[in-house]
Amino acid sequence: MLFAAIIGGLIGYQFGRFPGFLVGAAIGVFALRLLKARLRKALQRVQSNFLESVFAVMGALCKADGVVTRDEIRVAETLFDRFRLSGAQREAAKNAFARGKAPGFDLDAELQHFLRASGRQPALLQMFLQVQVSAIAADGDIHPAEHEMLLRIARGLGLPESQVDQLEAMLRGAHSGATGAQPSSASQIQDAYRVLGVSPDASDAEIKKAYRKLMSENHPDKLAGRGLPESMRDMAEQKTREISHAYDVIKDARKSAA
């Protein structure tokens, strides 16, 4: 605020000396406040669009196998709680979910709408896909039709289909960590490489670079600044934990093999 006043004042001073300085300072402060208000409103629009599109697509995804089960509805309601939605947000999410599972829902158009609203920011698109995978895999069973729609969603967002495999690998890694299983089996190590998006033949330096890149892209504060609703911060933090877990699995496996 002070910086804006000084800059505005200096510009005003060039035209009207001290009176110009005062007028310029006032205009600088006003312009900064106006810019902040517009940025805040823009961020709120992105957050609102994020939540609505997330649950609309989730409704379509749950209907992909022909029927929306009670378990799938329960998962959606659990996400309402996990995302700490307010009363108005919860109602909007329910309406969006119902819209998504209704006949005639245009999935591709919804994805295009979200792409525009999100500014095509990769981290937000990946988080969007992560919510879908988490919701559909919550019961441990992914129907082939649901898997195909997940791939379609990834393509619609401009993400590689490998992102679906990566997120499914994250969920498996989180499950093995939660059950206390030692992450030393071949399948767990392979999943860890999928999470980081690197080949088992990658060098230690390449793996560390991929890990740091993912951690930077998925930092909760950075995602919040790009429009991720604060209510989804917990999921963003979970993703960074899963990335760290995958990195630890690979490091431990390489130490054991050395």
C-alpha atoms as a PDB file:
ATOM      1  CA  MET A   1       0.000   0.000   0.000  1.00  0.00           C
ATOM      2  CA  LEU A   2       2.781   2.424   0.960  1.00  0.00           C
ATOM      3  CA  PHE A   3       4.700   1.467  -2.182  1.00  0.00           C
ATOM      4  CA  ALA A   4       1.652   2.236  -4.348  1.00  0.00           C
ATOM      5  CA  ALA A   5       1.228   5.604  -2.632  1.00  0.00           C
ATOM      6  CA  ILE A   6       4.871   6.510  -3.200  1.00  0.00           C
ATOM      7  CA  ILE A   7       4.840   5.492  -6.860  1.00  0.00           C
ATOM      8  CA  GLY A   8       1.581   7.329  -7.472  1.00  0.00           C
ATOM      9  CA  GLY A   9       2.871  10.357  -5.609  1.00  0.00           C
ATOM     10  CA  LEU A  10       6.100  10.515  -7.607  1.00  0.00           C
ATOM     11  CA  ILE A  11       4.179  10.333 -10.860  1.00  0.00           C
ATOM     12  CA  GLY A  12       1.816  13.066  -9.654  1.00  0.00           C
ATOM     13  CA  TYR A  13       4.746  15.196  -8.543  1.00  0.00           C
ATOM     14  CA  GLN A  14       6.011  15.344 -12.118  1.00  0.00           C
ATOM     15  CA  PHE A  15       2.803  17.099 -13.141  1.00  0.00           C
ATOM     16  CA  GLY A  16       1.822  19.167 -10.124  1.00  0.00           C
ATOM     17  CA  ARG A  17       4.654  19.289  -7.610  1.00  0.00           C
ATOM     18  CA  PHE A  18       3.456  18.762  -4.012  1.00  0.00           C
ATOM     19  CA  PRO A  19      -0.304  18.976  -4.726  1.00  0.00           C
ATOM     20  CA  GLY A  20       0.260  16.580  -7.586  1.00  0.00           C
ATOM     21  CA  PHE A  21       2.146  14.275  -5.247  1.00  0.00           C
ATOM     22  CA  LEU A  22      -0.839  14.112  -2.864  1.00  0.00           C
ATOM     23  CA  VAL A  23      -3.299  13.473  -5.671  1.00  0.00           C
ATOM     24  CA  GLY A  24      -1.028  10.879  -7.256  1.00  0.00           C
ATOM     25  CA  ALA A  25      -0.554   9.090  -3.926  1.00  0.00           C
ATOM     26  CA  ALA A  26      -4.314   8.913  -3.390  1.00  0.00           C
ATOM     27  CA  ILE A  27      -4.862   7.566  -6.894  1.00  0.00           C
ATOM     28  CA  GLY A  28      -2.085   4.981  -6.385  1.00  0.00           C
ATOM     29  CA  VAL A  29      -3.678   3.684  -3.175  1.00  0.00           C
ATOM     30  CA  PHE A  30      -7.129   3.589  -4.786  1.00  0.00           C
ATOM     31  CA  ALA A  31      -5.816   1.726  -7.830  1.00  0.00           C
ATOM     32  CA  LEU A  32      -4.070  -0.863  -5.645  1.00  0.00           C
ATOM     33  CA  ARG A  33      -7.209  -1.466  -3.593  1.00  0.00           C
ATOM     34  CA  LEU A  34      -9.245  -1.830  -6.764  1.00  0.00           C
ATOM     35  CA  LEU A  35      -6.728  -4.317  -8.190  1.00  0.00           C
ATOM     36  CA  LYS A  36      -6.743  -6.366  -4.973  1.00  0.00           C
ATOM     37  CA  ALA A  37     -10.554  -6.449  -4.959  1.00  0.00           C
ATOM     38  CA  ARG A  38     -10.647  -7.631  -8.564  1.00  0.00           C
ATOM     39  CA  LEU A  39      -8.018 -10.289  -7.925  1.00  0.00           C
ATOM     40  CA  ARG A  40      -9.936 -11.469  -4.871  1.00  0.00           C
ATOM     41  CA  LYS A  41     -13.163 -11.739  -6.854  1.00  0.00           C
ATOM     42  CA  ALA A  42     -11.371 -13.566  -9.670  1.00  0.00           C
ATOM     43  CA  LEU A  43      -9.901 -16.030  -7.174  1.00  0.00           C
ATOM     44  CA  GLN A  44     -13.325 -16.614  -5.625  1.00  0.00           C
ATOM     45  CA  ARG A  45     -14.779 -17.318  -9.075  1.00  0.00           C
ATOM     46  CA  VAL A  46     -12.067 -19.891  -9.778  1.00  0.00           C
ATOM     47  CA  GLN A  47     -12.702 -21.552  -6.405  1.00  0.00           C
ATOM     48  CA  SER A  48     -16.462 -21.638  -6.980  1.00  0.00           C
ATOM     49  CA  ASN A  49     -16.038 -23.069 -10.484  1.00  0.00           C
ATOM     50  CA  PHE A  50     -13.572 -25.634  -9.141  1.00  0.00           C
ATOM     51  CA  LEU A  51     -16.028 -27.012  -6.580  1.00  0.00           C
ATOM     52  CA  GLU A  52     -19.006 -27.009  -8.934  1.00  0.00           C
ATOM     53  CA  SER A  53     -17.172 -28.727 -11.776  1.00  0.00           C
ATOM     54  CA  VAL A  54     -15.544 -31.233  -9.406  1.00  0.00           C
ATOM     55  CA  PHE A  55     -18.887 -32.508  -8.140  1.00  0.00           C
ATOM     56  CA  ALA A  56     -20.667 -32.327 -11.507  1.00  0.00           C
ATOM     57  CA  VAL A  57     -17.984 -34.502 -13.100  1.00  0.00           C
ATOM     58  CA  MET A  58     -18.010 -36.760 -10.039  1.00  0.00           C
ATOM     59  CA  GLY A  59     -21.750 -37.332 -10.550  1.00  0.00           C
ATOM     60  CA  ALA A  60     -21.143 -38.341 -14.155  1.00  0.00           C
ATOM     61  CA  LEU A  61     -18.262 -40.581 -13.144  1.00  0.00           C
ATOM     62  CA  CYS A  62     -20.318 -42.391 -10.511  1.00  0.00           C
ATOM     63  CA  LYS A  63     -23.016 -42.977 -13.146  1.00  0.00           C
ATOM     64  CA  ALA A  64     -20.497 -44.347 -15.661  1.00  0.00           C
ATOM     65  CA  ASP A  65     -21.234 -47.966 -14.776  1.00  0.00           C
ATOM     66  CA  GLY A  66     -24.973 -47.408 -15.191  1.00  0.00           C
ATOM     67  CA  VAL A  67     -25.989 -46.770 -11.588  1.00  0.00           C
ATOM     68  CA  VAL A  68     -25.025 -44.493  -8.715  1.00  0.00           C
ATOM     69  CA  THR A  69     -24.711 -46.676  -5.629  1.00  0.00           C
ATOM     70  CA  ARG A  70     -25.327 -45.651  -2.040  1.00  0.00           C
ATOM     71  CA  ASP A  71     -21.626 -46.149  -1.374  1.00  0.00           C
ATOM     72  CA  GLU A  72     -20.754 -43.626  -4.086  1.00  0.00           C
ATOM     73  CA  ILE A  73     -23.248 -41.113  -2.705  1.00  0.00           C
ATOM     74  CA  ARG A  74     -21.765 -41.679   0.747  1.00  0.00           C
ATOM     75  CA  VAL A  75     -18.286 -40.988  -0.643  1.00  0.00           C
ATOM     76  CA  ALA A  76     -19.485 -37.707  -2.162  1.00  0.00           C
ATOM     77  CA  GLU A  77     -21.054 -36.703   1.149  1.00  0.00           C
ATOM     78  CA  THR A  78     -17.827 -37.617   2.950  1.00  0.00           C
ATOM     79  CA  LEU A  79     -16.007 -35.243   0.638  1.00  0.00           C
ATOM     80  CA  PHE A  80     -18.484 -32.510   1.601  1.00  0.00           C
ATOM     81  CA  ASP A  81     -17.258 -32.944   5.166  1.00  0.00           C
ATOM     82  CA  ARG A  82     -13.615 -33.362   4.260  1.00  0.00           C
ATOM     83  CA  PHE A  83     -13.652 -30.156   2.231  1.00  0.00           C
ATOM     84  CA  ARG A  84     -15.432 -28.374   5.102  1.00  0.00           C
ATOM     85  CA  LEU A  85     -18.075 -26.960   2.781  1.00  0.00           C
ATOM     86  CA  SER A  86     -20.393 -24.299   4.158  1.00  0.00           C
ATOM     87  CA  GLY A  87     -24.147 -24.766   3.981  1.00  0.00           C
ATOM     88  CA  ALA A  88     -24.386 -22.869   0.700  1.00  0.00           C
ATOM     89  CA  GLN A  89     -21.364 -24.665  -0.779  1.00  0.00           C
ATOM     90  CA  ARG A  90     -22.755 -28.049   0.261  1.00  0.00           C
ATOM     91  CA  GLU A  91     -26.061 -27.297  -1.426  1.00  0.00           C
ATOM     92  CA  ALA A  92     -24.267 -26.142  -4.583  1.00  0.00           C
ATOM     93  CA  ALA A  93     -22.142 -29.316  -4.544  1.00  0.00           C
ATOM     94  CA  LYS A  94     -25.241 -31.522  -4.196  1.00  0.00           C
ATOM     95  CA  ASN A  95     -26.915 -29.751  -7.107  1.00  0.00           C
ATOM     96  CA  ALA A  96     -23.766 -30.091  -9.208  1.00  0.00           C
ATOM     97  CA  PHE A  97     -23.518 -33.822  -8.402  1.00  0.00           C
ATOM     98  CA  ALA A  98     -27.179 -34.297  -9.388  1.00  0.00           C
ATOM     99  CA  ARG A  99     -26.594 -32.345 -12.606  1.00  0.00           C
ATOM    100  CA  GLY A 100     -23.623 -34.560 -13.461  1.00  0.00           C
ATOM    101  CA  LYS A 101     -25.487 -37.843 -13.057  1.00  0.00           C
ATOM    102  CA  ALA A 102     -28.552 -36.633 -14.940  1.00  0.00           C
ATOM    103  CA  PRO A 103     -29.203 -37.883 -18.492  1.00  0.00           C
ATOM    104  CA  GLY A 104     -27.778 -35.622 -21.147  1.00  0.00           C
ATOM    105  CA  PHE A 105     -24.945 -34.222 -19.020  1.00  0.00           C
ATOM    106  CA  ASP A 106     -22.249 -32.884 -21.352  1.00  0.00           C
ATOM    107  CA  LEU A 107     -18.988 -34.025 -19.766  1.00  0.00           C
ATOM    108  CA  ASP A 108     -16.754 -32.555 -22.458  1.00  0.00           C
ATOM    109  CA  ALA A 109     -18.422 -29.141 -22.193  1.00  0.00           C
ATOM    110  CA  GLU A 110     -18.011 -29.169 -18.407  1.00  0.00           C
ATOM    111  CA  LEU A 111     -14.333 -29.992 -18.728  1.00  0.00           C
ATOM    112  CA  GLN A 112     -13.877 -27.177 -21.243  1.00  0.00           C
ATOM    113  CA  HIS A 113     -15.647 -24.796 -18.874  1.00  0.00           C
ATOM    114  CA  PHE A 114     -13.299 -25.774 -16.072  1.00  0.00           C
ATOM    115  CA  LEU A 115     -10.263 -25.421 -18.318  1.00  0.00           C
ATOM    116  CA  ARG A 116     -11.211 -21.829 -19.057  1.00  0.00           C
ATOM    117  CA  ALA A 117     -12.043 -21.034 -15.432  1.00  0.00           C
ATOM    118  CA  SER A 118      -8.796 -22.511 -14.106  1.00  0.00           C
ATOM    119  CA  GLY A 119      -6.591 -20.815 -16.655  1.00  0.00           C
ATOM    120  CA  ARG A 120      -5.359 -24.292 -17.635  1.00  0.00           C
ATOM    121  CA  GLN A 121      -2.979 -24.331 -14.683  1.00  0.00           C
ATOM    122  CA  PRO A 122      -1.463 -27.849 -14.601  1.00  0.00           C
ATOM    123  CA  ALA A 123      -1.427 -28.193 -10.804  1.00  0.00           C
ATOM    124  CA  LEU A 124      -5.145 -27.327 -10.544  1.00  0.00           C
ATOM    125  CA  LEU A 125      -6.005 -29.708 -13.373  1.00  0.00           C
ATOM    126  CA  GLN A 126      -4.061 -32.504 -11.667  1.00  0.00           C
ATOM    127  CA  MET A 127      -5.802 -31.799  -8.357  1.00  0.00           C
ATOM    128  CA  PHE A 128      -9.154 -31.931 -10.147  1.00  0.00           C
ATOM    129  CA  LEU A 129      -8.295 -35.363 -11.514  1.00  0.00           C
ATOM    130  CA  GLN A 130      -6.981 -36.474  -8.116  1.00  0.00           C
ATOM    131  CA  VAL A 131     -10.345 -35.761  -6.485  1.00  0.00           C
ATOM    132  CA  GLN A 132     -12.113 -37.846  -9.127  1.00  0.00           C
ATOM    133  CA  VAL A 133      -9.759 -40.804  -8.703  1.00  0.00           C
ATOM    134  CA  SER A 134      -9.992 -40.588  -4.910  1.00  0.00           C
ATOM    135  CA  ALA A 135     -13.773 -40.551  -5.006  1.00  0.00           C
ATOM    136  CA  ILE A 136     -14.212 -43.456  -7.392  1.00  0.00           C
ATOM    137  CA  ALA A 137     -11.508 -45.606  -5.776  1.00  0.00           C
ATOM    138  CA  ALA A 138     -12.699 -45.045  -2.210  1.00  0.00           C
ATOM    139  CA  ASP A 139     -14.441 -48.429  -2.116  1.00  0.00           C
ATOM    140  CA  GLY A 140     -11.359 -50.167  -3.521  1.00  0.00           C
ATOM    141  CA  ASP A 141     -13.109 -51.156  -6.746  1.00  0.00           C
ATOM    142  CA  ILE A 142     -12.919 -49.291 -10.044  1.00  0.00           C
ATOM    143  CA  HIS A 143     -15.368 -50.469 -12.695  1.00  0.00           C
ATOM    144  CA  PRO A 144     -13.884 -50.685 -16.224  1.00  0.00           C
ATOM    145  CA  ALA A 145     -16.400 -48.086 -17.433  1.00  0.00           C
ATOM    146  CA  GLU A 146     -15.316 -45.752 -14.616  1.00  0.00           C
ATOM    147  CA  HIS A 147     -11.668 -46.270 -15.504  1.00  0.00           C
ATOM    148  CA  GLU A 148     -12.408 -45.422 -19.127  1.00  0.00           C
ATOM    149  CA  MET A 149     -14.167 -42.240 -18.051  1.00  0.00           C
ATOM    150  CA  LEU A 150     -11.211 -41.295 -15.861  1.00  0.00           C
ATOM    151  CA  LEU A 151      -9.017 -41.576 -18.947  1.00  0.00           C
ATOM    152  CA  ARG A 152     -11.528 -39.469 -20.883  1.00  0.00           C
ATOM    153  CA  ILE A 153     -11.449 -36.830 -18.126  1.00  0.00           C
ATOM    154  CA  ALA A 154      -7.653 -36.775 -18.210  1.00  0.00           C
ATOM    155  CA  ARG A 155      -7.677 -36.302 -21.980  1.00  0.00           C
ATOM    156  CA  GLY A 156     -10.346 -33.612 -21.701  1.00  0.00           C
ATOM    157  CA  LEU A 157      -8.146 -31.707 -19.265  1.00  0.00           C
ATOM    158  CA  GLY A 158      -5.164 -32.034 -21.569  1.00  0.00           C
ATOM    159  CA  LEU A 159      -3.384 -34.346 -19.136  1.00  0.00           C
ATOM    160  CA  PRO A 160      -1.575 -37.539 -20.159  1.00  0.00           C
ATOM    161  CA  GLU A 161      -3.468 -40.747 -19.450  1.00  0.00           C
ATOM    162  CA  SER A 162      -0.499 -41.804 -17.330  1.00  0.00           C
ATOM    163  CA  GLN A 163      -1.756 -39.291 -14.750  1.00  0.00           C
ATOM    164  CA  VAL A 164      -4.573 -41.719 -13.925  1.00  0.00           C
ATOM    165  CA  ASP A 165      -2.074 -44.533 -13.305  1.00  0.00           C
ATOM    166  CA  GLN A 166       0.056 -42.154 -11.247  1.00  0.00           C
ATOM    167  CA  LEU A 167      -2.853 -41.162  -9.004  1.00  0.00           C
ATOM    168  CA  GLU A 168      -4.015 -44.744  -8.598  1.00  0.00           C
ATOM    169  CA  ALA A 169      -0.452 -45.634  -7.594  1.00  0.00           C
ATOM    170  CA  MET A 170      -0.545 -42.832  -5.012  1.00  0.00           C
ATOM    171  CA  LEU A 171      -3.711 -44.264  -3.505  1.00  0.00           C
ATOM    172  CA  ARG A 172      -2.183 -47.714  -3.285  1.00  0.00           C
ATOM    173  CA  GLY A 173       0.923 -46.226  -1.676  1.00  0.00           C
ATOM    174  CA  ALA A 174      -1.177 -44.322   0.848  1.00  0.00           C
ATOM    175  CA  HIS A 175      -3.092 -47.491   1.670  1.00  0.00           C
ATOM    176  CA  SER A 176       0.097 -49.521   2.238  1.00  0.00           C
ATOM    177  CA  GLY A 177       1.450 -46.745   4.468  1.00  0.00           C
ATOM    178  CA  ALA A 178      -1.780 -46.553   6.465  1.00  0.00           C
ATOM    179  CA  THR A 179      -1.815 -50.304   7.093  1.00  0.00           C
ATOM    180  CA  GLY A 180       1.770 -50.271   8.269  1.00  0.00           C
ATOM    181  CA  ALA A 181       2.995 -52.459   5.422  1.00  0.00           C
ATOM    182  CA  GLN A 182       6.684 -52.246   4.615  1.00  0.00           C
ATOM    183  CA  PRO A 183       7.060 -50.545   1.217  1.00  0.00           C
ATOM    184  CA  SER A 184       9.583 -53.027  -0.089  1.00  0.00           C
ATOM    185  CA  SER A 185       7.630 -55.240  -2.476  1.00  0.00           C
ATOM    186  CA  ALA A 186       8.286 -55.013  -6.197  1.00  0.00           C
ATOM    187  CA  SER A 187       4.788 -53.673  -6.891  1.00  0.00           C
ATOM    188  CA  GLN A 188       5.135 -50.956  -4.247  1.00  0.00           C
ATOM    189  CA  ILE A 189       8.474 -49.856  -5.640  1.00  0.00           C
ATOM    190  CA  GLN A 190       7.052 -49.807  -9.164  1.00  0.00           C
ATOM    191  CA  ASP A 191       4.147 -47.689  -7.926  1.00  0.00           C
ATOM    192  CA  ALA A 192       6.609 -45.281  -6.316  1.00  0.00           C
ATOM    193  CA  TYR A 193       8.312 -44.738  -9.679  1.00  0.00           C
ATOM    194  CA  ARG A 194       4.888 -44.129 -11.254  1.00  0.00           C
ATOM    195  CA  VAL A 195       4.069 -41.519  -8.607  1.00  0.00           C
ATOM    196  CA  LEU A 196       7.228 -39.555  -9.442  1.00  0.00           C
ATOM    197  CA  GLY A 197       6.718 -40.122 -13.163  1.00  0.00           C
ATOM    198  CA  VAL A 198      10.191 -41.553 -13.723  1.00  0.00           C
ATOM    199  CA  SER A 199      11.601 -44.788 -15.051  1.00  0.00           C
ATOM    200  CA  PRO A 200      13.256 -47.338 -12.728  1.00  0.00           C
ATOM    201  CA  ASP A 201      16.339 -46.769 -14.888  1.00  0.00           C
ATOM    202  CA  ALA A 202      16.458 -43.058 -13.989  1.00  0.00           C
ATOM    203  CA  SER A 203      19.537 -41.770 -12.188  1.00  0.00           C
ATOM    204  CA  ASP A 204      19.429 -40.608  -8.573  1.00  0.00           C
ATOM    205  CA  ALA A 205      19.790 -37.030  -9.796  1.00  0.00           C
ATOM    206  CA  GLU A 206      16.851 -37.397 -12.191  1.00  0.00           C
ATOM    207  CA  ILE A 207      14.693 -38.873  -9.454  1.00  0.00           C
ATOM    208  CA  LYS A 208      15.559 -36.075  -7.037  1.00  0.00           C
ATOM    209  CA  LYS A 209      14.790 -33.491  -9.734  1.00  0.00           C
ATOM    210  CA  ALA A 210      11.395 -35.080 -10.451  1.00  0.00           C
ATOM    211  CA  TYR A 211      10.622 -35.208  -6.718  1.00  0.00           C
ATOM    212  CA  ARG A 212      11.493 -31.546  -6.156  1.00  0.00           C
ATOM    213  CA  LYS A 213       9.483 -30.485  -9.220  1.00  0.00           C
ATOM    214  CA  LEU A 214       6.385 -32.318  -8.006  1.00  0.00           C
ATOM    215  CA  MET A 215       6.733 -30.937  -4.485  1.00  0.00           C
ATOM    216  CA  SER A 216       7.059 -27.406  -5.841  1.00  0.00           C
ATOM    217  CA  GLU A 217       4.097 -27.729  -8.204  1.00  0.00           C
ATOM    218  CA  ASN A 218       1.857 -29.219  -5.517  1.00  0.00           C
ATOM    219  CA  HIS A 219       2.760 -26.986  -2.572  1.00  0.00           C
ATOM    220  CA  PRO A 220      -0.575 -26.159  -0.847  1.00  0.00           C
ATOM    221  CA  ASP A 221       0.210 -22.432  -0.550  1.00  0.00           C
ATOM    222  CA  LYS A 222       1.085 -22.208  -4.238  1.00  0.00           C
ATOM    223  CA  LEU A 223      -2.108 -24.050  -5.213  1.00  0.00           C
ATOM    224  CA  ALA A 224      -4.198 -21.765  -2.987  1.00  0.00           C
ATOM    225  CA  GLY A 225      -2.750 -18.740  -4.733  1.00  0.00           C
ATOM    226  CA  ARG A 226      -3.803 -20.225  -8.075  1.00  0.00           C
ATOM    227  CA  GLY A 227      -7.413 -20.782  -7.046  1.00  0.00           C
ATOM    228  CA  LEU A 228      -7.559 -24.071  -5.138  1.00  0.00           C
ATOM    229  CA  PRO A 229     -10.308 -23.696  -2.501  1.00  0.00           C
ATOM    230  CA  GLU A 230      -8.932 -23.539   1.044  1.00  0.00           C
ATOM    231  CA  SER A 231     -11.313 -26.378   1.894  1.00  0.00           C
ATOM    232  CA  MET A 232      -9.220 -28.656  -0.338  1.00  0.00           C
ATOM    233  CA  ARG A 233      -5.932 -27.828   1.348  1.00  0.00           C
ATOM    234  CA  ASP A 234      -6.034 -31.118   3.244  1.00  0.00           C
ATOM    235  CA  MET A 235      -6.072 -33.077  -0.015  1.00  0.00           C
ATOM    236  CA  ALA A 236      -3.203 -31.000  -1.379  1.00  0.00           C
ATOM    237  CA  GLU A 237      -1.186 -31.723   1.761  1.00  0.00           C
ATOM    238  CA  GLN A 238      -2.024 -35.412   1.440  1.00  0.00           C
ATOM    239  CA  LYS A 239      -0.663 -35.427  -2.099  1.00  0.00           C
ATOM    240  CA  THR A 240       2.667 -33.928  -0.998  1.00  0.00           C
ATOM    241  CA  ARG A 241       2.897 -36.590   1.719  1.00  0.00           C
ATOM    242  CA  GLU A 242       2.307 -39.306  -0.863  1.00  0.00           C
ATOM    243  CA  ILE A 243       4.962 -37.813  -3.144  1.00  0.00           C
ATOM    244  CA  SER A 244       7.417 -37.786  -0.226  1.00  0.00           C
ATOM    245  CA  HIS A 245       6.475 -41.343   0.662  1.00  0.00           C
ATOM    246  CA  ALA A 246       7.154 -42.494  -2.907  1.00  0.00           C
ATOM    247  CA  TYR A 247      10.540 -40.776  -2.881  1.00  0.00           C
ATOM    248  CA  ASP A 248      11.437 -42.468   0.410  1.00  0.00           C
ATOM    249  CA  VAL A 249      10.377 -45.866  -0.968  1.00  0.00           C
ATOM    250  CA  ILE A 250      12.694 -45.438  -3.960  1.00  0.00           C
ATOM    251  CA  LYS A 251      15.612 -44.211  -1.854  1.00  0.00           C
ATOM    252  CA  ASP A 252      15.246 -47.127   0.579  1.00  0.00           C
ATOM    253  CA  ALA A 253      14.991 -49.639  -2.268  1.00  0.00           C
ATOM    254  CA  ARG A 254      18.136 -48.282  -3.918  1.00  0.00           C
ATOM    255  CA  LYS A 255      20.061 -48.337  -0.661  1.00  0.00           C
ATOM    256  CA  SER A 256      19.085 -51.947  -0.098  1.00  0.00           C
ATOM    257  CA  ALA A 257      20.153 -52.879  -3.619  1.00  0.00           C
ATOM    258  CA  ALA A 258      23.507 -51.107  -3.341  1.00  0.00           C
END
